[in-house]
Amino acid sequence: MTQNLQLENQNLCALIAQGGVALVAAVPTRIKSPVGMPSCYGGQSDQFSTFCAQCELYMRVREAEFPTEDSKVAFLISLLEGEAAKWATPYLIRNDPALVQYNVFITAMEEMF
């Protein structure tokens, strides 16, 4: 068994020496996004559209991290503070259906703020 592993290792080393770049290139690399974390939102009406735009951009460039509607809503709620956090708390307490429907939750926020 040890000889088989050594032979396989030698073969792999030879393959890498011949065209290792292709093997390395096949491994996905994580590129740091230039988009920073959105600022927290406290319920100020004049900052609502900016907050939404920042969140949309952040989730768009990291779409693999937000695969579901509820992951997007949870992200938004995690950035709420003050009056906005107080407003969202009843949604969490009653497990409101809007928590799994991003557009519904955003519309509710728009109506409030």
PDB file of N, CA and C in Angstrom:
ATOM      1  N   MET A   1       0.830  -1.196   0.000  1.00  0.00           N
ATOM      2  CA  MET A   1       0.000   0.000   0.000  1.00  0.00           C
ATOM      3  C   MET A   1       0.870   1.254   0.000  1.00  0.00           C
ATOM      4  N   THR A   2       1.930   1.254   0.792  1.00  0.00           N
ATOM      5  CA  THR A   2       2.827   2.404   0.854  1.00  0.00           C
ATOM      6  C   THR A   2       3.457   2.668  -0.504  1.00  0.00           C
ATOM      7  N   GLN A   3       3.814   1.596  -1.217  1.00  0.00           N
ATOM      8  CA  GLN A   3       4.401   1.774  -2.548  1.00  0.00           C
ATOM      9  C   GLN A   3       3.396   2.402  -3.514  1.00  0.00           C
ATOM     10  N   ASN A   4       2.147   1.992  -3.400  1.00  0.00           N
ATOM     11  CA  ASN A   4       1.114   2.574  -4.270  1.00  0.00           C
ATOM     12  C   ASN A   4       0.968   4.066  -4.019  1.00  0.00           C
ATOM     13  N   LEU A   5       0.969   4.457  -2.741  1.00  0.00           N
ATOM     14  CA  LEU A   5       0.857   5.879  -2.400  1.00  0.00           C
ATOM     15  C   LEU A   5       2.061   6.667  -2.897  1.00  0.00           C
ATOM     16  N   GLN A   6       3.239   6.073  -2.742  1.00  0.00           N
ATOM     17  CA  GLN A   6       4.444   6.758  -3.206  1.00  0.00           C
ATOM     18  C   GLN A   6       4.420   6.932  -4.723  1.00  0.00           C
ATOM     19  N   LEU A   7       3.977   5.893  -5.432  1.00  0.00           N
ATOM     20  CA  LEU A   7       3.887   5.962  -6.887  1.00  0.00           C
ATOM     21  C   LEU A   7       2.853   7.004  -7.308  1.00  0.00           C
ATOM     22  N   GLU A   8       1.719   6.999  -6.633  1.00  0.00           N
ATOM     23  CA  GLU A   8       0.684   7.996  -6.943  1.00  0.00           C
ATOM     24  C   GLU A   8       1.189   9.407  -6.654  1.00  0.00           C
ATOM     25  N   ASN A   9       1.907   9.581  -5.564  1.00  0.00           N
ATOM     26  CA  ASN A   9       2.475  10.884  -5.225  1.00  0.00           C
ATOM     27  C   ASN A   9       3.478  11.331  -6.286  1.00  0.00           C
ATOM     28  N   GLN A  10       4.307  10.421  -6.767  1.00  0.00           N
ATOM     29  CA  GLN A  10       5.275  10.757  -7.812  1.00  0.00           C
ATOM     30  C   GLN A  10       4.559  11.172  -9.100  1.00  0.00           C
ATOM     31  N   ASN A  11       3.494  10.439  -9.429  1.00  0.00           N
ATOM     32  CA  ASN A  11       2.725  10.776 -10.632  1.00  0.00           C
ATOM     33  C   ASN A  11       2.086  12.157 -10.503  1.00  0.00           C
ATOM     34  N   LEU A  12       1.534  12.450  -9.346  1.00  0.00           N
ATOM     35  CA  LEU A  12       0.924  13.769  -9.121  1.00  0.00           C
ATOM     36  C   LEU A  12       1.969  14.872  -9.190  1.00  0.00           C
ATOM     37  N   CYS A  13       3.118  14.623  -8.604  1.00  0.00           N
ATOM     38  CA  CYS A  13       4.192  15.621  -8.662  1.00  0.00           C
ATOM     39  C   CYS A  13       4.621  15.879 -10.098  1.00  0.00           C
ATOM     40  N   ALA A  14       4.693  14.827 -10.908  1.00  0.00           N
ATOM     41  CA  ALA A  14       5.060  14.974 -12.315  1.00  0.00           C
ATOM     42  C   ALA A  14       3.998  15.779 -13.061  1.00  0.00           C
ATOM     43  N   LEU A  15       2.717  15.510 -12.780  1.00  0.00           N
ATOM     44  CA  LEU A  15       1.630  16.266 -13.414  1.00  0.00           C
ATOM     45  C   LEU A  15       1.692  17.740 -13.042  1.00  0.00           C
ATOM     46  N   ILE A  16       1.947  17.992 -11.778  1.00  0.00           N
ATOM     47  CA  ILE A  16       2.031  19.381 -11.328  1.00  0.00           C
ATOM     48  C   ILE A  16       3.202  20.086 -11.996  1.00  0.00           C
ATOM     49  N   ALA A  17       4.316  19.404 -12.107  1.00  0.00           N
ATOM     50  CA  ALA A  17       5.493  19.996 -12.737  1.00  0.00           C
ATOM     51  C   ALA A  17       5.231  20.314 -14.203  1.00  0.00           C
ATOM     52  N   GLN A  18       4.424  19.497 -14.866  1.00  0.00           N
ATOM     53  CA  GLN A  18       4.131  19.710 -16.293  1.00  0.00           C
ATOM     54  C   GLN A  18       3.097  20.808 -16.522  1.00  0.00           C
ATOM     55  N   GLY A  19       2.109  20.901 -15.661  1.00  0.00           N
ATOM     56  CA  GLY A  19       1.044  21.878 -15.900  1.00  0.00           C
ATOM     57  C   GLY A  19       0.315  22.234 -14.637  1.00  0.00           C
ATOM     58  N   GLY A  20       1.054  22.464 -13.593  1.00  0.00           N
ATOM     59  CA  GLY A  20       0.454  22.736 -12.300  1.00  0.00           C
ATOM     60  C   GLY A  20      -0.435  23.962 -12.265  1.00  0.00           C
ATOM     61  N   VAL A  21      -0.219  24.887 -13.176  1.00  0.00           N
ATOM     62  CA  VAL A  21      -1.020  26.103 -13.183  1.00  0.00           C
ATOM     63  C   VAL A  21      -2.489  25.760 -13.387  1.00  0.00           C
ATOM     64  N   ALA A  22      -2.766  24.813 -14.272  1.00  0.00           N
ATOM     65  CA  ALA A  22      -4.154  24.431 -14.528  1.00  0.00           C
ATOM     66  C   ALA A  22      -4.781  23.819 -13.279  1.00  0.00           C
ATOM     67  N   LEU A  23      -4.000  23.062 -12.534  1.00  0.00           N
ATOM     68  CA  LEU A  23      -4.528  22.468 -11.317  1.00  0.00           C
ATOM     69  C   LEU A  23      -4.810  23.535 -10.268  1.00  0.00           C
ATOM     70  N   VAL A  24      -3.936  24.484 -10.131  1.00  0.00           N
ATOM     71  CA  VAL A  24      -4.119  25.547  -9.153  1.00  0.00           C
ATOM     72  C   VAL A  24      -5.266  26.455  -9.568  1.00  0.00           C
ATOM     73  N   ALA A  25      -5.368  26.732 -10.860  1.00  0.00           N
ATOM     74  CA  ALA A  25      -6.418  27.618 -11.347  1.00  0.00           C
ATOM     75  C   ALA A  25      -7.805  27.021 -11.131  1.00  0.00           C
ATOM     76  N   ALA A  26      -7.905  25.700 -11.024  1.00  0.00           N
ATOM     77  CA  ALA A  26      -9.201  25.054 -10.840  1.00  0.00           C
ATOM     78  C   ALA A  26      -9.745  25.272  -9.436  1.00  0.00           C
ATOM     79  N   VAL A  27      -8.893  25.656  -8.504  1.00  0.00           N
ATOM     80  CA  VAL A  27      -9.319  25.899  -7.139  1.00  0.00           C
ATOM     81  C   VAL A  27      -9.861  27.326  -7.055  1.00  0.00           C
ATOM     82  N   PRO A  28     -11.146  27.480  -6.650  1.00  0.00           N
ATOM     83  CA  PRO A  28     -11.693  28.842  -6.591  1.00  0.00           C
ATOM     84  C   PRO A  28     -11.020  29.661  -5.500  1.00  0.00           C
ATOM     85  N   THR A  29     -10.810  30.922  -5.811  1.00  0.00           N
ATOM     86  CA  THR A  29     -10.215  31.820  -4.823  1.00  0.00           C
ATOM     87  C   THR A  29     -11.271  32.809  -4.359  1.00  0.00           C
ATOM     88  N   ARG A  30     -11.171  33.229  -3.143  1.00  0.00           N
ATOM     89  CA  ARG A  30     -12.117  34.200  -2.604  1.00  0.00           C
ATOM     90  C   ARG A  30     -11.513  35.584  -2.770  1.00  0.00           C
ATOM     91  N   ILE A  31     -12.217  36.413  -3.504  1.00  0.00           N
ATOM     92  CA  ILE A  31     -11.757  37.769  -3.761  1.00  0.00           C
ATOM     93  C   ILE A  31     -12.460  38.710  -2.789  1.00  0.00           C
ATOM     94  N   LYS A  32     -11.697  39.560  -2.150  1.00  0.00           N
ATOM     95  CA  LYS A  32     -12.279  40.513  -1.213  1.00  0.00           C
ATOM     96  C   LYS A  32     -13.099  41.543  -1.975  1.00  0.00           C
ATOM     97  N   SER A  33     -14.312  41.725  -1.520  1.00  0.00           N
ATOM     98  CA  SER A  33     -15.214  42.668  -2.164  1.00  0.00           C
ATOM     99  C   SER A  33     -14.847  44.101  -1.790  1.00  0.00           C
ATOM    100  N   PRO A  34     -14.972  45.019  -2.743  1.00  0.00           N
ATOM    101  CA  PRO A  34     -14.710  46.426  -2.435  1.00  0.00           C
ATOM    102  C   PRO A  34     -15.879  47.102  -1.712  1.00  0.00           C
ATOM    103  N   VAL A  35     -17.006  46.404  -1.584  1.00  0.00           N
ATOM    104  CA  VAL A  35     -18.195  46.980  -0.970  1.00  0.00           C
ATOM    105  C   VAL A  35     -18.179  46.717   0.531  1.00  0.00           C
ATOM    106  N   GLY A  36     -18.237  47.770   1.310  1.00  0.00           N
ATOM    107  CA  GLY A  36     -18.203  47.647   2.759  1.00  0.00           C
ATOM    108  C   GLY A  36     -19.574  47.357   3.358  1.00  0.00           C
ATOM    109  N   MET A  37     -19.566  47.015   4.627  1.00  0.00           N
ATOM    110  CA  MET A  37     -20.797  46.748   5.369  1.00  0.00           C
ATOM    111  C   MET A  37     -21.637  48.021   5.427  1.00  0.00           C
ATOM    112  N   PRO A  38     -22.941  47.900   5.171  1.00  0.00           N
ATOM    113  CA  PRO A  38     -23.807  49.083   5.266  1.00  0.00           C
ATOM    114  C   PRO A  38     -23.823  49.654   6.685  1.00  0.00           C
ATOM    115  N   SER A  39     -24.105  50.932   6.776  1.00  0.00           N
ATOM    116  CA  SER A  39     -24.245  51.576   8.078  1.00  0.00           C
ATOM    117  C   SER A  39     -25.540  51.106   8.735  1.00  0.00           C
ATOM    118  N   CYS A  40     -25.581  51.153  10.046  1.00  0.00           N
ATOM    119  CA  CYS A  40     -26.806  50.805  10.763  1.00  0.00           C
ATOM    120  C   CYS A  40     -27.866  51.861  10.501  1.00  0.00           C
ATOM    121  N   TYR A  41     -29.117  51.458  10.661  1.00  0.00           N
ATOM    122  CA  TYR A  41     -30.231  52.355  10.396  1.00  0.00           C
ATOM    123  C   TYR A  41     -31.078  52.497  11.650  1.00  0.00           C
ATOM    124  N   GLY A  42     -31.314  53.738  12.049  1.00  0.00           N
ATOM    125  CA  GLY A  42     -32.044  54.009  13.277  1.00  0.00           C
ATOM    126  C   GLY A  42     -33.463  54.493  13.102  1.00  0.00           C
ATOM    127  N   GLY A  43     -33.928  54.599  11.854  1.00  0.00           N
ATOM    128  CA  GLY A  43     -35.304  55.010  11.627  1.00  0.00           C
ATOM    129  C   GLY A  43     -35.472  56.403  11.053  1.00  0.00           C
ATOM    130  N   GLN A  44     -34.391  57.066  10.689  1.00  0.00           N
ATOM    131  CA  GLN A  44     -34.470  58.412  10.125  1.00  0.00           C
ATOM    132  C   GLN A  44     -34.989  58.317   8.681  1.00  0.00           C
ATOM    133  N   SER A  45     -36.107  58.977   8.414  1.00  0.00           N
ATOM    134  CA  SER A  45     -36.741  58.912   7.090  1.00  0.00           C
ATOM    135  C   SER A  45     -35.812  59.353   5.969  1.00  0.00           C
ATOM    136  N   ASP A  46     -35.021  60.381   6.206  1.00  0.00           N
ATOM    137  CA  ASP A  46     -34.147  60.899   5.152  1.00  0.00           C
ATOM    138  C   ASP A  46     -32.976  59.966   4.831  1.00  0.00           C
ATOM    139  N   GLN A  47     -32.751  58.945   5.648  1.00  0.00           N
ATOM    140  CA  GLN A  47     -31.657  58.015   5.405  1.00  0.00           C
ATOM    141  C   GLN A  47     -32.130  56.642   4.926  1.00  0.00           C
ATOM    142  N   PHE A  48     -33.450  56.470   4.825  1.00  0.00           N
ATOM    143  CA  PHE A  48     -33.986  55.156   4.485  1.00  0.00           C
ATOM    144  C   PHE A  48     -33.556  54.665   3.102  1.00  0.00           C
ATOM    145  N   SER A  49     -33.677  55.501   2.096  1.00  0.00           N
ATOM    146  CA  SER A  49     -33.327  55.059   0.740  1.00  0.00           C
ATOM    147  C   SER A  49     -31.832  54.748   0.621  1.00  0.00           C
ATOM    148  N   THR A  50     -31.007  55.521   1.309  1.00  0.00           N
ATOM    149  CA  THR A  50     -29.568  55.247   1.305  1.00  0.00           C
ATOM    150  C   THR A  50     -29.268  53.916   1.982  1.00  0.00           C
ATOM    151  N   PHE A  51     -29.922  53.664   3.114  1.00  0.00           N
ATOM    152  CA  PHE A  51     -29.751  52.393   3.817  1.00  0.00           C
ATOM    153  C   PHE A  51     -30.139  51.224   2.909  1.00  0.00           C
ATOM    154  N   CYS A  52     -31.284  51.331   2.251  1.00  0.00           N
ATOM    155  CA  CYS A  52     -31.741  50.260   1.358  1.00  0.00           C
ATOM    156  C   CYS A  52     -30.758  50.042   0.208  1.00  0.00           C
ATOM    157  N   ALA A  53     -30.276  51.137  -0.379  1.00  0.00           N
ATOM    158  CA  ALA A  53     -29.327  51.026  -1.488  1.00  0.00           C
ATOM    159  C   ALA A  53     -28.026  50.359  -1.045  1.00  0.00           C
ATOM    160  N   GLN A  54     -27.538  50.740   0.134  1.00  0.00           N
ATOM    161  CA  GLN A  54     -26.308  50.120   0.650  1.00  0.00           C
ATOM    162  C   GLN A  54     -26.508  48.619   0.871  1.00  0.00           C
ATOM    163  N   CYS A  55     -27.648  48.255   1.434  1.00  0.00           N
ATOM    164  CA  CYS A  55     -27.933  46.834   1.699  1.00  0.00           C
ATOM    165  C   CYS A  55     -28.071  46.051   0.399  1.00  0.00           C
ATOM    166  N   GLU A  56     -28.773  46.624  -0.562  1.00  0.00           N
ATOM    167  CA  GLU A  56     -28.945  45.962  -1.865  1.00  0.00           C
ATOM    168  C   GLU A  56     -27.590  45.702  -2.523  1.00  0.00           C
ATOM    169  N   LEU A  57     -26.740  46.707  -2.525  1.00  0.00           N
ATOM    170  CA  LEU A  57     -25.420  46.565  -3.133  1.00  0.00           C
ATOM    171  C   LEU A  57     -24.602  45.505  -2.406  1.00  0.00           C
ATOM    172  N   TYR A  58     -24.599  45.557  -1.083  1.00  0.00           N
ATOM    173  CA  TYR A  58     -23.840  44.597  -0.284  1.00  0.00           C
ATOM    174  C   TYR A  58     -24.302  43.171  -0.568  1.00  0.00           C
ATOM    175  N   MET A  59     -25.621  42.959  -0.597  1.00  0.00           N
ATOM    176  CA  MET A  59     -26.147  41.610  -0.845  1.00  0.00           C
ATOM    177  C   MET A  59     -25.926  41.176  -2.285  1.00  0.00           C
ATOM    178  N   ARG A  60     -25.936  42.112  -3.214  1.00  0.00           N
ATOM    179  CA  ARG A  60     -25.719  41.775  -4.622  1.00  0.00           C
ATOM    180  C   ARG A  60     -24.312  41.248  -4.865  1.00  0.00           C
ATOM    181  N   VAL A  61     -23.314  41.898  -4.274  1.00  0.00           N
ATOM    182  CA  VAL A  61     -21.936  41.441  -4.506  1.00  0.00           C
ATOM    183  C   VAL A  61     -21.581  40.216  -3.662  1.00  0.00           C
ATOM    184  N   ARG A  62     -22.437  39.885  -2.715  1.00  0.00           N
ATOM    185  CA  ARG A  62     -22.230  38.697  -1.883  1.00  0.00           C
ATOM    186  C   ARG A  62     -23.449  37.778  -1.972  1.00  0.00           C
ATOM    187  N   GLU A  63     -23.968  37.609  -3.172  1.00  0.00           N
ATOM    188  CA  GLU A  63     -25.233  36.893  -3.311  1.00  0.00           C
ATOM    189  C   GLU A  63     -25.171  35.459  -2.787  1.00  0.00           C
ATOM    190  N   ALA A  64     -24.023  34.832  -2.805  1.00  0.00           N
ATOM    191  CA  ALA A  64     -23.907  33.470  -2.265  1.00  0.00           C
ATOM    192  C   ALA A  64     -24.145  33.443  -0.757  1.00  0.00           C
ATOM    193  N   GLU A  65     -23.914  34.562  -0.081  1.00  0.00           N
ATOM    194  CA  GLU A  65     -24.131  34.633   1.363  1.00  0.00           C
ATOM    195  C   GLU A  65     -25.577  34.931   1.730  1.00  0.00           C
ATOM    196  N   PHE A  66     -26.384  35.287   0.724  1.00  0.00           N
ATOM    197  CA  PHE A  66     -27.797  35.615   0.956  1.00  0.00           C
ATOM    198  C   PHE A  66     -28.673  34.841  -0.035  1.00  0.00           C
ATOM    199  N   PRO A  67     -28.684  33.519   0.098  1.00  0.00           N
ATOM    200  CA  PRO A  67     -29.386  32.697  -0.895  1.00  0.00           C
ATOM    201  C   PRO A  67     -30.908  32.678  -0.745  1.00  0.00           C
ATOM    202  N   THR A  68     -31.415  33.107   0.395  1.00  0.00           N
ATOM    203  CA  THR A  68     -32.854  33.022   0.642  1.00  0.00           C
ATOM    204  C   THR A  68     -33.413  34.381   1.028  1.00  0.00           C
ATOM    205  N   GLU A  69     -34.729  34.494   0.871  1.00  0.00           N
ATOM    206  CA  GLU A  69     -35.410  35.729   1.253  1.00  0.00           C
ATOM    207  C   GLU A  69     -35.215  36.020   2.747  1.00  0.00           C
ATOM    208  N   ASP A  70     -35.356  34.974   3.571  1.00  0.00           N
ATOM    209  CA  ASP A  70     -35.234  35.211   5.013  1.00  0.00           C
ATOM    210  C   ASP A  70     -33.813  35.576   5.425  1.00  0.00           C
ATOM    211  N   SER A  71     -32.809  35.126   4.689  1.00  0.00           N
ATOM    212  CA  SER A  71     -31.436  35.541   5.028  1.00  0.00           C
ATOM    213  C   SER A  71     -31.246  37.028   4.738  1.00  0.00           C
ATOM    214  N   LYS A  72     -31.911  37.530   3.700  1.00  0.00           N
ATOM    215  CA  LYS A  72     -31.834  38.955   3.382  1.00  0.00           C
ATOM    216  C   LYS A  72     -32.550  39.782   4.452  1.00  0.00           C
ATOM    217  N   VAL A  73     -33.734  39.334   4.856  1.00  0.00           N
ATOM    218  CA  VAL A  73     -34.487  40.050   5.897  1.00  0.00           C
ATOM    219  C   VAL A  73     -33.701  40.040   7.208  1.00  0.00           C
ATOM    220  N   ALA A  74     -33.139  38.895   7.556  1.00  0.00           N
ATOM    221  CA  ALA A  74     -32.363  38.798   8.791  1.00  0.00           C
ATOM    222  C   ALA A  74     -31.169  39.756   8.762  1.00  0.00           C
ATOM    223  N   PHE A  75     -30.534  39.870   7.612  1.00  0.00           N
ATOM    224  CA  PHE A  75     -29.416  40.795   7.478  1.00  0.00           C
ATOM    225  C   PHE A  75     -29.867  42.231   7.722  1.00  0.00           C
ATOM    226  N   LEU A  76     -30.970  42.621   7.094  1.00  0.00           N
ATOM    227  CA  LEU A  76     -31.501  43.972   7.301  1.00  0.00           C
ATOM    228  C   LEU A  76     -31.804  44.222   8.770  1.00  0.00           C
ATOM    229  N   ILE A  77     -32.500  43.285   9.399  1.00  0.00           N
ATOM    230  CA  ILE A  77     -32.873  43.458  10.807  1.00  0.00           C
ATOM    231  C   ILE A  77     -31.630  43.572  11.686  1.00  0.00           C
ATOM    232  N   SER A  78     -30.583  42.848  11.339  1.00  0.00           N
ATOM    233  CA  SER A  78     -29.357  42.903  12.150  1.00  0.00           C
ATOM    234  C   SER A  78     -28.712  44.283  12.106  1.00  0.00           C
ATOM    235  N   LEU A  79     -29.056  45.088  11.098  1.00  0.00           N
ATOM    236  CA  LEU A  79     -28.487  46.428  10.968  1.00  0.00           C
ATOM    237  C   LEU A  79     -29.387  47.521  11.543  1.00  0.00           C
ATOM    238  N   LEU A  80     -30.530  47.130  12.090  1.00  0.00           N
ATOM    239  CA  LEU A  80     -31.439  48.119  12.658  1.00  0.00           C
ATOM    240  C   LEU A  80     -31.061  48.444  14.093  1.00  0.00           C
ATOM    241  N   GLU A  81     -31.267  49.707  14.464  1.00  0.00           N
ATOM    242  CA  GLU A  81     -31.020  50.138  15.830  1.00  0.00           C
ATOM    243  C   GLU A  81     -32.073  51.168  16.212  1.00  0.00           C
ATOM    244  N   GLY A  82     -32.152  51.483  17.456  1.00  0.00           N
ATOM    245  CA  GLY A  82     -33.073  52.514  17.930  1.00  0.00           C
ATOM    246  C   GLY A  82     -34.518  52.247  17.546  1.00  0.00           C
ATOM    247  N   GLU A  83     -35.176  53.292  17.012  1.00  0.00           N
ATOM    248  CA  GLU A  83     -36.592  53.190  16.651  1.00  0.00           C
ATOM    249  C   GLU A  83     -36.851  52.117  15.601  1.00  0.00           C
ATOM    250  N   ALA A  84     -35.941  51.960  14.667  1.00  0.00           N
ATOM    251  CA  ALA A  84     -36.118  50.946  13.623  1.00  0.00           C
ATOM    252  C   ALA A  84     -36.079  49.535  14.228  1.00  0.00           C
ATOM    253  N   ALA A  85     -35.190  49.314  15.172  1.00  0.00           N
ATOM    254  CA  ALA A  85     -35.118  48.008  15.834  1.00  0.00           C
ATOM    255  C   ALA A  85     -36.377  47.755  16.658  1.00  0.00           C
ATOM    256  N   LYS A  86     -36.862  48.803  17.334  1.00  0.00           N
ATOM    257  CA  LYS A  86     -38.112  48.670  18.090  1.00  0.00           C
ATOM    258  C   LYS A  86     -39.265  48.317  17.167  1.00  0.00           C
ATOM    259  N   TRP A  87     -39.284  48.938  15.987  1.00  0.00           N
ATOM    260  CA  TRP A  87     -40.335  48.661  15.012  1.00  0.00           C
ATOM    261  C   TRP A  87     -40.287  47.200  14.547  1.00  0.00           C
ATOM    262  N   ALA A  88     -39.102  46.652  14.334  1.00  0.00           N
ATOM    263  CA  ALA A  88     -38.950  45.294  13.801  1.00  0.00           C
ATOM    264  C   ALA A  88     -39.202  44.207  14.854  1.00  0.00           C
ATOM    265  N   THR A  89     -39.044  44.528  16.120  1.00  0.00           N
ATOM    266  CA  THR A  89     -39.164  43.522  17.173  1.00  0.00           C
ATOM    267  C   THR A  89     -40.482  42.754  17.145  1.00  0.00           C
ATOM    268  N   PRO A  90     -41.635  43.389  16.990  1.00  0.00           N
ATOM    269  CA  PRO A  90     -42.888  42.623  16.934  1.00  0.00           C
ATOM    270  C   PRO A  90     -42.935  41.617  15.775  1.00  0.00           C
ATOM    271  N   TYR A  91     -42.293  41.950  14.665  1.00  0.00           N
ATOM    272  CA  TYR A  91     -42.220  41.001  13.545  1.00  0.00           C
ATOM    273  C   TYR A  91     -41.533  39.712  13.986  1.00  0.00           C
ATOM    274  N   LEU A  92     -40.476  39.882  14.754  1.00  0.00           N
ATOM    275  CA  LEU A  92     -39.729  38.716  15.236  1.00  0.00           C
ATOM    276  C   LEU A  92     -40.523  37.945  16.285  1.00  0.00           C
ATOM    277  N   ILE A  93     -41.145  38.662  17.186  1.00  0.00           N
ATOM    278  CA  ILE A  93     -41.892  38.023  18.273  1.00  0.00           C
ATOM    279  C   ILE A  93     -43.035  37.169  17.729  1.00  0.00           C
ATOM    280  N   ARG A  94     -43.755  37.712  16.753  1.00  0.00           N
ATOM    281  CA  ARG A  94     -44.908  36.961  16.228  1.00  0.00           C
ATOM    282  C   ARG A  94     -44.549  36.088  15.023  1.00  0.00           C
ATOM    283  N   ASN A  95     -43.256  36.028  14.697  1.00  0.00           N
ATOM    284  CA  ASN A  95     -42.777  35.241  13.554  1.00  0.00           C
ATOM    285  C   ASN A  95     -43.587  35.572  12.296  1.00  0.00           C
ATOM    286  N   ASP A  96     -43.654  36.842  12.013  1.00  0.00           N
ATOM    287  CA  ASP A  96     -44.449  37.377  10.914  1.00  0.00           C
ATOM    288  C   ASP A  96     -44.019  36.788   9.564  1.00  0.00           C
ATOM    289  N   PRO A  97     -44.982  36.486   8.685  1.00  0.00           N
ATOM    290  CA  PRO A  97     -44.643  35.961   7.352  1.00  0.00           C
ATOM    291  C   PRO A  97     -43.734  36.893   6.538  1.00  0.00           C
ATOM    292  N   ALA A  98     -43.732  38.167   6.842  1.00  0.00           N
ATOM    293  CA  ALA A  98     -42.852  39.112   6.130  1.00  0.00           C
ATOM    294  C   ALA A  98     -41.381  38.792   6.352  1.00  0.00           C
ATOM    295  N   LEU A  99     -41.071  38.043   7.391  1.00  0.00           N
ATOM    296  CA  LEU A  99     -39.671  37.704   7.679  1.00  0.00           C
ATOM    297  C   LEU A  99     -39.065  36.788   6.621  1.00  0.00           C
ATOM    298  N   VAL A 100     -39.910  36.146   5.830  1.00  0.00           N
ATOM    299  CA  VAL A 100     -39.396  35.263   4.777  1.00  0.00           C
ATOM    300  C   VAL A 100     -39.713  35.801   3.385  1.00  0.00           C
ATOM    301  N   GLN A 101     -40.152  37.064   3.321  1.00  0.00           N
ATOM    302  CA  GLN A 101     -40.470  37.707   2.043  1.00  0.00           C
ATOM    303  C   GLN A 101     -39.802  39.082   2.017  1.00  0.00           C
ATOM    304  N   TYR A 102     -38.644  39.136   1.431  1.00  0.00           N
ATOM    305  CA  TYR A 102     -37.828  40.348   1.436  1.00  0.00           C
ATOM    306  C   TYR A 102     -38.599  41.575   0.941  1.00  0.00           C
ATOM    307  N   ASN A 103     -39.260  41.457  -0.215  1.00  0.00           N
ATOM    308  CA  ASN A 103     -39.967  42.617  -0.772  1.00  0.00           C
ATOM    309  C   ASN A 103     -41.110  43.075   0.126  1.00  0.00           C
ATOM    310  N   VAL A 104     -41.787  42.148   0.762  1.00  0.00           N
ATOM    311  CA  VAL A 104     -42.866  42.497   1.686  1.00  0.00           C
ATOM    312  C   VAL A 104     -42.301  43.242   2.893  1.00  0.00           C
ATOM    313  N   PHE A 105     -41.180  42.767   3.410  1.00  0.00           N
ATOM    314  CA  PHE A 105     -40.559  43.410   4.566  1.00  0.00           C
ATOM    315  C   PHE A 105     -40.078  44.820   4.209  1.00  0.00           C
ATOM    316  N   ILE A 106     -39.447  44.964   3.046  1.00  0.00           N
ATOM    317  CA  ILE A 106     -38.975  46.283   2.616  1.00  0.00           C
ATOM    318  C   ILE A 106     -40.149  47.242   2.443  1.00  0.00           C
ATOM    319  N   THR A 107     -41.249  46.752   1.872  1.00  0.00           N
ATOM    320  CA  THR A 107     -42.433  47.590   1.684  1.00  0.00           C
ATOM    321  C   THR A 107     -42.975  48.051   3.039  1.00  0.00           C
ATOM    322  N   ALA A 108     -43.005  47.161   4.004  1.00  0.00           N
ATOM    323  CA  ALA A 108     -43.469  47.522   5.357  1.00  0.00           C
ATOM    324  C   ALA A 108     -42.551  48.577   5.964  1.00  0.00           C
ATOM    325  N   MET A 109     -41.255  48.426   5.752  1.00  0.00           N
ATOM    326  CA  MET A 109     -40.307  49.427   6.258  1.00  0.00           C
ATOM    327  C   MET A 109     -40.533  50.768   5.576  1.00  0.00           C
ATOM    328  N   GLU A 110     -40.751  50.726   4.269  1.00  0.00           N
ATOM    329  CA  GLU A 110     -40.995  51.964   3.503  1.00  0.00           C
ATOM    330  C   GLU A 110     -42.219  52.711   4.036  1.00  0.00           C
ATOM    331  N   GLU A 111     -43.256  51.949   4.324  1.00  0.00           N
ATOM    332  CA  GLU A 111     -44.491  52.566   4.839  1.00  0.00           C
ATOM    333  C   GLU A 111     -44.276  53.194   6.212  1.00  0.00           C
ATOM    334  N   MET A 112     -43.408  52.586   7.001  1.00  0.00           N
ATOM    335  CA  MET A 112     -43.156  53.089   8.344  1.00  0.00           C
ATOM    336  C   MET A 112     -42.177  54.256   8.343  1.00  0.00           C
ATOM    337  N   PHE A 113     -41.127  54.164   7.517  1.00  0.00           N
ATOM    338  CA  PHE A 113     -40.062  55.157   7.581  1.00  0.00           C
ATOM    339  C   PHE A 113     -40.009  56.010   6.323  1.00  0.00           C
TER     340      PHE A 113
END
